[in-house]
Amino acid sequence: MGGGPQKKVLFRRITKDLSIMEVLQAYPEVRSVFARHGMGCLTCMGAMAETIESGARIHGIDLEELLADLNEAVKNRF
C-alpha cells in the first residue's frame, strides 16, 4: 500500500472546473498554451488549487478560447 509511483489521470476533455495543476500534471505540454494566453506564472501557489475558470477570470482571459486551445493541444492523446 502507498509508496508506489503516482498514476497520471488523463481527462477526456479539459473543462473550466479542473484545477490548473491537475491539467498540467496530466498534460505538461499545455504549459505553452497557458503562457500564450497570458498565464505564465503556473508555479505560483494560486495555480495549485485554482480552477481554469477562476484563473482565466483573474487574468482577464476569454475562457472559451482558452479551453478550445487547451483541448486542441491534447486532442491526439486519446
C-alpha atoms as a PDB file:
ATOM      1  CA  MET A   1       0.000   0.000   0.000  1.00  0.00           C
ATOM      2  CA  GLY A   2       1.174   3.514  -0.810  1.00  0.00           C
ATOM      3  CA  GLY A   3       4.671   4.455  -1.795  1.00  0.00           C
ATOM      4  CA  GLY A   4       4.251   3.441  -5.458  1.00  0.00           C
ATOM      5  CA  PRO A   5       4.529   5.794  -8.384  1.00  0.00           C
ATOM      6  CA  GLN A   6       1.599   8.122  -8.869  1.00  0.00           C
ATOM      7  CA  LYS A   7      -0.593   7.347 -11.832  1.00  0.00           C
ATOM      8  CA  LYS A   8      -1.353  10.244 -14.165  1.00  0.00           C
ATOM      9  CA  VAL A   9      -5.021  10.918 -14.705  1.00  0.00           C
ATOM     10  CA  LEU A  10      -5.892  11.847 -18.261  1.00  0.00           C
ATOM     11  CA  PHE A  11      -9.106  13.767 -18.764  1.00  0.00           C
ATOM     12  CA  ARG A  12     -11.256  13.146 -21.828  1.00  0.00           C
ATOM     13  CA  ARG A  13     -11.923  16.859 -22.015  1.00  0.00           C
ATOM     14  CA  ILE A  14     -10.334  19.788 -20.255  1.00  0.00           C
ATOM     15  CA  THR A  15     -13.107  21.722 -18.543  1.00  0.00           C
ATOM     16  CA  LYS A  16     -13.337  25.002 -16.646  1.00  0.00           C
ATOM     17  CA  ASP A  17     -13.747  23.197 -13.311  1.00  0.00           C
ATOM     18  CA  LEU A  18     -10.401  21.379 -13.398  1.00  0.00           C
ATOM     19  CA  SER A  19      -7.554  22.904 -11.458  1.00  0.00           C
ATOM     20  CA  ILE A  20      -4.690  24.328 -13.462  1.00  0.00           C
ATOM     21  CA  MET A  21      -2.321  21.981 -11.633  1.00  0.00           C
ATOM     22  CA  GLU A  22      -4.406  18.886 -12.486  1.00  0.00           C
ATOM     23  CA  VAL A  23      -4.259  19.793 -16.152  1.00  0.00           C
ATOM     24  CA  LEU A  24      -0.518  20.493 -16.074  1.00  0.00           C
ATOM     25  CA  GLN A  25       0.164  17.187 -14.338  1.00  0.00           C
ATOM     26  CA  ALA A  26      -1.884  15.271 -16.893  1.00  0.00           C
ATOM     27  CA  TYR A  27      -0.681  17.251 -19.919  1.00  0.00           C
ATOM     28  CA  PRO A  28       2.626  19.081 -19.304  1.00  0.00           C
ATOM     29  CA  GLU A  29       2.675  20.184 -22.936  1.00  0.00           C
ATOM     30  CA  VAL A  30      -0.185  22.652 -22.346  1.00  0.00           C
ATOM     31  CA  ARG A  31       2.096  24.936 -20.339  1.00  0.00           C
ATOM     32  CA  SER A  32       2.777  26.822 -23.595  1.00  0.00           C
ATOM     33  CA  VAL A  33      -0.971  27.242 -24.211  1.00  0.00           C
ATOM     34  CA  PHE A  34      -1.443  28.824 -20.790  1.00  0.00           C
ATOM     35  CA  ALA A  35       1.593  31.076 -21.403  1.00  0.00           C
ATOM     36  CA  ARG A  36       0.308  32.131 -24.824  1.00  0.00           C
ATOM     37  CA  HIS A  37      -2.916  33.262 -23.160  1.00  0.00           C
ATOM     38  CA  GLY A  38      -1.063  35.303 -20.530  1.00  0.00           C
ATOM     39  CA  MET A  39      -1.000  32.764 -17.711  1.00  0.00           C
ATOM     40  CA  GLY A  40       2.751  32.293 -17.468  1.00  0.00           C
ATOM     41  CA  CYS A  41       3.012  32.083 -13.679  1.00  0.00           C
ATOM     42  CA  LEU A  42       1.865  28.498 -13.322  1.00  0.00           C
ATOM     43  CA  THR A  43       4.103  27.628 -10.402  1.00  0.00           C
ATOM     44  CA  CYS A  44       2.607  30.171  -8.012  1.00  0.00           C
ATOM     45  CA  MET A  45       0.554  28.957  -5.063  1.00  0.00           C
ATOM     46  CA  GLY A  46      -2.711  30.023  -6.725  1.00  0.00           C
ATOM     47  CA  ALA A  47      -2.224  27.600  -9.601  1.00  0.00           C
ATOM     48  CA  MET A  48      -2.132  24.660  -7.196  1.00  0.00           C
ATOM     49  CA  ALA A  49      -5.856  24.821  -6.465  1.00  0.00           C
ATOM     50  CA  GLU A  50      -7.156  27.491  -8.832  1.00  0.00           C
ATOM     51  CA  THR A  51      -9.560  26.286 -11.495  1.00  0.00           C
ATOM     52  CA  ILE A  52      -9.083  27.168 -15.124  1.00  0.00           C
ATOM     53  CA  GLU A  53     -12.214  29.296 -14.911  1.00  0.00           C
ATOM     54  CA  SER A  54     -11.015  31.370 -11.954  1.00  0.00           C
ATOM     55  CA  GLY A  55      -7.523  31.725 -13.422  1.00  0.00           C
ATOM     56  CA  ALA A  56      -8.958  32.989 -16.699  1.00  0.00           C
ATOM     57  CA  ARG A  57     -11.224  35.438 -14.874  1.00  0.00           C
ATOM     58  CA  ILE A  58      -8.368  36.783 -12.709  1.00  0.00           C
ATOM     59  CA  HIS A  59      -6.153  37.289 -15.769  1.00  0.00           C
ATOM     60  CA  GLY A  60      -8.918  38.720 -17.985  1.00  0.00           C
ATOM     61  CA  ILE A  61      -8.673  35.833 -20.444  1.00  0.00           C
ATOM     62  CA  ASP A  62     -11.501  34.574 -22.658  1.00  0.00           C
ATOM     63  CA  LEU A  63     -12.406  31.252 -21.001  1.00  0.00           C
ATOM     64  CA  GLU A  64     -13.962  29.608 -24.057  1.00  0.00           C
ATOM     65  CA  GLU A  65     -10.967  30.457 -26.243  1.00  0.00           C
ATOM     66  CA  LEU A  66      -8.549  29.129 -23.621  1.00  0.00           C
ATOM     67  CA  LEU A  67     -10.495  25.870 -23.235  1.00  0.00           C
ATOM     68  CA  ALA A  68     -10.666  25.422 -27.009  1.00  0.00           C
ATOM     69  CA  ASP A  69      -6.896  25.884 -27.325  1.00  0.00           C
ATOM     70  CA  LEU A  70      -6.169  23.548 -24.401  1.00  0.00           C
ATOM     71  CA  ASN A  71      -8.385  20.809 -25.823  1.00  0.00           C
ATOM     72  CA  GLU A  72      -6.922  21.269 -29.288  1.00  0.00           C
ATOM     73  CA  ALA A  73      -3.440  20.786 -27.820  1.00  0.00           C
ATOM     74  CA  VAL A  74      -4.329  17.414 -26.298  1.00  0.00           C
ATOM     75  CA  LYS A  75      -6.815  16.043 -28.835  1.00  0.00           C
ATOM     76  CA  ASN A  76      -4.364  13.452 -30.177  1.00  0.00           C
ATOM     77  CA  ARG A  77      -3.748  11.966 -26.746  1.00  0.00           C
ATOM     78  CA  PHE A  78      -6.900   9.811 -26.843  1.00  0.00           C
END
